[in-house]
Structures are given as C-alpha cells and as structure tokens.
Amino acid sequence: MLDNLPANSTHLKMQVQGSSETLSLIRRVIAASVQHLKLDNAILNDIKLATTEACTNVIKHAYKFDDSMAFELEIKTSQRVFAVEVFYEDPGFSPENIPVPDLNEIKEGGLGVFIIRNIMDHVDYQTDQQTGKVKLLMVKILDQLTGDGGQSED
C-alpha cells in the first residue's frame, strides 16, 4: 500500500519519549506534515485524534508512563494517502485480545483502538512475539474523501 507513493511524497521519521507531554508535539508535527495538502479541518482532526490515541496507548499501556522509554513514528503523506507507523515494544501484546467496547455501556477509557479503527481506512498491527516489537500501521485514504472513513468490514 505504501510502496507506490510518488517521489514527491513527504516522509518523516521521529523518535518520541514515552511521556504524555509529547502528545501535543506529535499533533503539531502531523499538522505541519500535511499543511501543503490543504486538508479539510475535520479530516486533519480525525488523523490527529487517531494518532494521538495510538500514542496514548503506547505511553499508558505498553510503557506505563515510563518516560525513559521511547517509540518511533514514521509519517508518510502524498496527495493520495496519509500513513503513520508507530514502532514500540510491548512483550505479550496481542492485538486480537483487544476487546470490542460495549457502546451501550460507555465508560471512560477503552475506546482508543475502536476510535482508531473507525477513523482510519486501514489499521494493521504486526507483532513479533519473540522480541516484543510492535508495528502499528494506520492509513487514511485522501483521494476518496466522500465517505466518513473508517475500515471496511471485509
């Protein structure tokens, strides 16, 4: 999906400390990385929300607010797509064990992955059980912005 990005696409890689204080920096970097695309504010806010939710999950669940830990973000943008990959360590993490929230009994917390999957067009977790390394890929298709977004159910 990301192998065919045009030569003039933007590619940014950054290492981020596992602290919630870095979330505002991440949102600003995302906004700057797509500024030239002149995205609708609603789309930009959706992308920032999904990315912030993913990074919050790393900081809170994988790193337990240990700011000595770091993770990487890789952002790729073109006129067609916005993609962000989050690389981190979480031994024992298994994406298939993420519960689907009961929307009839909404409580604080537990909606991050649900939100990400409903905002972004493609979400994929890859885990290496031996090393504990996790790669989260989130993609928003920008050249078909007629729908509400989110993953298809196929």
C-alpha atoms as a PDB file:
ATOM      1  CA  MET A   1       0.000   0.000   0.000  1.00  0.00           C
ATOM      2  CA  LEU A   2       2.806   2.427   0.856  1.00  0.00           C
ATOM      3  CA  ASP A   3       5.307   1.073  -1.645  1.00  0.00           C
ATOM      4  CA  ASN A   4       3.812   3.052  -4.530  1.00  0.00           C
ATOM      5  CA  LEU A   5       3.929   6.534  -3.051  1.00  0.00           C
ATOM      6  CA  PRO A   6       5.037   9.186  -5.537  1.00  0.00           C
ATOM      7  CA  ALA A   7       8.564  10.547  -5.415  1.00  0.00           C
ATOM      8  CA  ASN A   8       7.302  13.930  -4.147  1.00  0.00           C
ATOM      9  CA  SER A   9       5.644  12.423  -1.068  1.00  0.00           C
ATOM     10  CA  THR A  10       6.645  13.601   2.394  1.00  0.00           C
ATOM     11  CA  HIS A  11       8.430  11.165   4.682  1.00  0.00           C
ATOM     12  CA  LEU A  12       9.208  11.983   8.312  1.00  0.00           C
ATOM     13  CA  LYS A  13      10.673   9.741  10.981  1.00  0.00           C
ATOM     14  CA  MET A  14      10.946  10.731  14.628  1.00  0.00           C
ATOM     15  CA  GLN A  15      11.751   9.167  17.963  1.00  0.00           C
ATOM     16  CA  VAL A  16       9.480  10.211  20.831  1.00  0.00           C
ATOM     17  CA  GLN A  17       9.809   9.806  24.577  1.00  0.00           C
ATOM     18  CA  GLY A  18       7.095   7.746  26.239  1.00  0.00           C
ATOM     19  CA  SER A  19       5.578  10.713  28.025  1.00  0.00           C
ATOM     20  CA  SER A  20       2.094  12.183  27.617  1.00  0.00           C
ATOM     21  CA  GLU A  21       3.777  15.591  27.354  1.00  0.00           C
ATOM     22  CA  THR A  22       4.900  14.639  23.830  1.00  0.00           C
ATOM     23  CA  LEU A  23       1.345  14.249  22.510  1.00  0.00           C
ATOM     24  CA  SER A  24       0.934  17.947  21.666  1.00  0.00           C
ATOM     25  CA  LEU A  25       4.235  17.853  19.769  1.00  0.00           C
ATOM     26  CA  ILE A  26       3.017  14.846  17.780  1.00  0.00           C
ATOM     27  CA  ARG A  27      -0.220  16.663  16.863  1.00  0.00           C
ATOM     28  CA  ARG A  28       1.754  19.718  15.702  1.00  0.00           C
ATOM     29  CA  VAL A  29       4.108  17.564  13.616  1.00  0.00           C
ATOM     30  CA  ILE A  30       1.135  15.882  11.940  1.00  0.00           C
ATOM     31  CA  ALA A  31      -0.462  19.230  11.134  1.00  0.00           C
ATOM     32  CA  ALA A  32       2.815  20.528   9.687  1.00  0.00           C
ATOM     33  CA  SER A  33       3.398  17.376   7.640  1.00  0.00           C
ATOM     34  CA  VAL A  34       0.087  17.757   5.783  1.00  0.00           C
ATOM     35  CA  GLN A  35      -0.122  21.547   5.627  1.00  0.00           C
ATOM     36  CA  HIS A  36       0.732  21.561   1.912  1.00  0.00           C
ATOM     37  CA  LEU A  37      -2.205  19.216   1.188  1.00  0.00           C
ATOM     38  CA  LYS A  38      -4.822  21.753   2.345  1.00  0.00           C
ATOM     39  CA  LEU A  39      -6.902  19.072   4.076  1.00  0.00           C
ATOM     40  CA  ASP A  40     -10.334  19.776   5.440  1.00  0.00           C
ATOM     41  CA  ASN A  41     -10.076  20.516   9.182  1.00  0.00           C
ATOM     42  CA  ALA A  42     -12.359  17.580  10.024  1.00  0.00           C
ATOM     43  CA  ILE A  43     -10.052  15.145   8.204  1.00  0.00           C
ATOM     44  CA  LEU A  44      -6.945  16.635   9.809  1.00  0.00           C
ATOM     45  CA  ASN A  45      -8.549  16.441  13.252  1.00  0.00           C
ATOM     46  CA  ASP A  46      -9.515  12.795  12.653  1.00  0.00           C
ATOM     47  CA  ILE A  47      -5.927  11.933  11.699  1.00  0.00           C
ATOM     48  CA  LYS A  48      -4.572  13.751  14.751  1.00  0.00           C
ATOM     49  CA  LEU A  49      -7.110  12.027  17.003  1.00  0.00           C
ATOM     50  CA  ALA A  50      -6.289   8.527  15.707  1.00  0.00           C
ATOM     51  CA  THR A  51      -2.552   9.120  16.010  1.00  0.00           C
ATOM     52  CA  THR A  52      -2.897  10.623  19.484  1.00  0.00           C
ATOM     53  CA  GLU A  53      -4.998   7.647  20.605  1.00  0.00           C
ATOM     54  CA  ALA A  54      -2.368   5.217  19.295  1.00  0.00           C
ATOM     55  CA  CYS A  55       0.473   7.080  21.011  1.00  0.00           C
ATOM     56  CA  THR A  56      -1.526   7.379  24.230  1.00  0.00           C
ATOM     57  CA  ASN A  57      -1.989   3.602  24.206  1.00  0.00           C
ATOM     58  CA  VAL A  58       1.772   3.109  23.855  1.00  0.00           C
ATOM     59  CA  ILE A  59       2.538   5.567  26.662  1.00  0.00           C
ATOM     60  CA  LYS A  60      -0.176   4.300  29.020  1.00  0.00           C
ATOM     61  CA  HIS A  61      -0.424   0.565  28.356  1.00  0.00           C
ATOM     62  CA  ALA A  62       2.907  -0.511  26.860  1.00  0.00           C
ATOM     63  CA  TYR A  63       5.250   1.861  28.713  1.00  0.00           C
ATOM     64  CA  LYS A  64       3.154   2.501  31.857  1.00  0.00           C
ATOM     65  CA  PHE A  65       4.066   6.225  31.696  1.00  0.00           C
ATOM     66  CA  ASP A  66       7.810   5.430  31.863  1.00  0.00           C
ATOM     67  CA  ASP A  67       9.305   8.435  30.071  1.00  0.00           C
ATOM     68  CA  SER A  68      12.695   6.725  29.870  1.00  0.00           C
ATOM     69  CA  MET A  69      11.141   4.552  27.141  1.00  0.00           C
ATOM     70  CA  ALA A  70      10.904   5.811  23.573  1.00  0.00           C
ATOM     71  CA  PHE A  71       8.957   4.868  20.473  1.00  0.00           C
ATOM     72  CA  GLU A  72       9.195   5.821  16.815  1.00  0.00           C
ATOM     73  CA  LEU A  73       6.729   7.445  14.472  1.00  0.00           C
ATOM     74  CA  GLU A  74       7.084   7.317  10.730  1.00  0.00           C
ATOM     75  CA  ILE A  75       4.745   9.609   8.785  1.00  0.00           C
ATOM     76  CA  LYS A  76       4.270   9.355   5.032  1.00  0.00           C
ATOM     77  CA  THR A  77       1.998  11.680   3.100  1.00  0.00           C
ATOM     78  CA  SER A  78       1.041  12.246  -0.503  1.00  0.00           C
ATOM     79  CA  GLN A  79      -1.987  13.677  -2.276  1.00  0.00           C
ATOM     80  CA  ARG A  80      -3.474  10.154  -2.082  1.00  0.00           C
ATOM     81  CA  VAL A  81      -2.687   8.934   1.430  1.00  0.00           C
ATOM     82  CA  PHE A  82      -1.671   9.807   4.940  1.00  0.00           C
ATOM     83  CA  ALA A  83       0.087   6.963   6.731  1.00  0.00           C
ATOM     84  CA  VAL A  84       1.626   6.762  10.155  1.00  0.00           C
ATOM     85  CA  GLU A  85       3.517   3.828  11.552  1.00  0.00           C
ATOM     86  CA  VAL A  86       4.133   3.528  15.283  1.00  0.00           C
ATOM     87  CA  PHE A  87       7.011   1.275  16.369  1.00  0.00           C
ATOM     88  CA  TYR A  88       7.295   0.284  20.020  1.00  0.00           C
ATOM     89  CA  GLU A  89       7.930  -2.594  22.389  1.00  0.00           C
ATOM     90  CA  ASP A  90       5.199  -4.405  24.296  1.00  0.00           C
ATOM     91  CA  PRO A  91       6.080  -8.008  25.159  1.00  0.00           C
ATOM     92  CA  GLY A  92       2.997 -10.160  25.364  1.00  0.00           C
ATOM     93  CA  PHE A  93       0.775  -7.712  23.438  1.00  0.00           C
ATOM     94  CA  SER A  94      -1.687  -9.471  21.187  1.00  0.00           C
ATOM     95  CA  PRO A  95      -3.953  -7.245  19.068  1.00  0.00           C
ATOM     96  CA  GLU A  96      -6.599  -9.945  18.745  1.00  0.00           C
ATOM     97  CA  ASN A  97      -7.104  -9.702  22.523  1.00  0.00           C
ATOM     98  CA  ILE A  98      -8.234  -6.063  22.346  1.00  0.00           C
ATOM     99  CA  PRO A  99     -11.875  -6.149  23.449  1.00  0.00           C
ATOM    100  CA  VAL A 100     -14.633  -4.575  21.392  1.00  0.00           C
ATOM    101  CA  PRO A 101     -16.275  -1.981  23.639  1.00  0.00           C
ATOM    102  CA  ASP A 102     -19.936  -2.235  24.577  1.00  0.00           C
ATOM    103  CA  LEU A 103     -21.279   1.050  23.238  1.00  0.00           C
ATOM    104  CA  ASN A 104     -24.433   0.647  25.326  1.00  0.00           C
ATOM    105  CA  GLU A 105     -22.323   0.967  28.477  1.00  0.00           C
ATOM    106  CA  ILE A 106     -19.674   3.518  27.622  1.00  0.00           C
ATOM    107  CA  LYS A 107     -17.124   4.160  30.342  1.00  0.00           C
ATOM    108  CA  GLU A 108     -14.018   6.294  30.408  1.00  0.00           C
ATOM    109  CA  GLY A 109     -11.137   4.579  28.649  1.00  0.00           C
ATOM    110  CA  GLY A 110     -11.081   1.513  26.466  1.00  0.00           C
ATOM    111  CA  LEU A 111     -12.228   3.218  23.259  1.00  0.00           C
ATOM    112  CA  GLY A 112      -8.858   4.115  21.710  1.00  0.00           C
ATOM    113  CA  VAL A 113      -8.473   1.211  19.287  1.00  0.00           C
ATOM    114  CA  PHE A 114     -12.190   1.365  18.450  1.00  0.00           C
ATOM    115  CA  ILE A 115     -11.813   5.063  17.583  1.00  0.00           C
ATOM    116  CA  ILE A 116      -8.674   4.431  15.519  1.00  0.00           C
ATOM    117  CA  ARG A 117     -10.327   1.644  13.523  1.00  0.00           C
ATOM    118  CA  ASN A 118     -13.384   3.790  12.836  1.00  0.00           C
ATOM    119  CA  ILE A 119     -11.467   6.899  11.772  1.00  0.00           C
ATOM    120  CA  MET A 120      -8.714   5.387   9.645  1.00  0.00           C
ATOM    121  CA  ASP A 121      -9.258   3.423   6.429  1.00  0.00           C
ATOM    122  CA  HIS A 122      -6.652   0.762   7.159  1.00  0.00           C
ATOM    123  CA  VAL A 123      -5.293  -0.326  10.552  1.00  0.00           C
ATOM    124  CA  ASP A 124      -2.844  -3.177  10.954  1.00  0.00           C
ATOM    125  CA  TYR A 125      -0.907  -4.406  13.970  1.00  0.00           C
ATOM    126  CA  GLN A 126       2.159  -6.582  13.441  1.00  0.00           C
ATOM    127  CA  THR A 127       3.790  -8.142  16.479  1.00  0.00           C
ATOM    128  CA  ASP A 128       6.952 -10.126  16.975  1.00  0.00           C
ATOM    129  CA  GLN A 129       6.271 -12.340  19.973  1.00  0.00           C
ATOM    130  CA  GLN A 130       9.959 -13.197  20.395  1.00  0.00           C
ATOM    131  CA  THR A 131      11.275  -9.627  20.557  1.00  0.00           C
ATOM    132  CA  GLY A 132       8.122  -7.886  21.837  1.00  0.00           C
ATOM    133  CA  LYS A 133       8.316  -5.359  18.986  1.00  0.00           C
ATOM    134  CA  VAL A 134       5.041  -3.986  17.676  1.00  0.00           C
ATOM    135  CA  LYS A 135       4.346  -2.067  14.476  1.00  0.00           C
ATOM    136  CA  LEU A 136       1.027  -0.281  14.091  1.00  0.00           C
ATOM    137  CA  LEU A 137       0.185   0.980  10.607  1.00  0.00           C
ATOM    138  CA  MET A 138      -2.675   3.457  10.201  1.00  0.00           C
ATOM    139  CA  VAL A 139      -3.672   4.757   6.766  1.00  0.00           C
ATOM    140  CA  LYS A 140      -6.170   7.413   5.724  1.00  0.00           C
ATOM    141  CA  ILE A 141      -7.017   7.484   2.014  1.00  0.00           C
ATOM    142  CA  LEU A 142      -7.173  11.134   0.988  1.00  0.00           C
ATOM    143  CA  ASP A 143      -8.253  10.918  -2.644  1.00  0.00           C
ATOM    144  CA  GLN A 144     -11.640   9.353  -1.831  1.00  0.00           C
ATOM    145  CA  LEU A 145     -12.871  11.599   0.938  1.00  0.00           C
ATOM    146  CA  THR A 146     -16.543  11.246   0.113  1.00  0.00           C
ATOM    147  CA  GLY A 147     -17.360   8.856   2.975  1.00  0.00           C
ATOM    148  CA  ASP A 148     -16.975   9.042   6.715  1.00  0.00           C
ATOM    149  CA  GLY A 149     -13.803   6.973   6.748  1.00  0.00           C
ATOM    150  CA  GLY A 150     -13.115   4.011   8.930  1.00  0.00           C
ATOM    151  CA  GLN A 151     -12.209   0.497   7.962  1.00  0.00           C
ATOM    152  CA  SER A 152     -14.401  -1.563   5.721  1.00  0.00           C
ATOM    153  CA  GLU A 153     -15.916  -4.605   7.339  1.00  0.00           C
ATOM    154  CA  ASP A 154     -14.386  -7.129   4.908  1.00  0.00           C
END
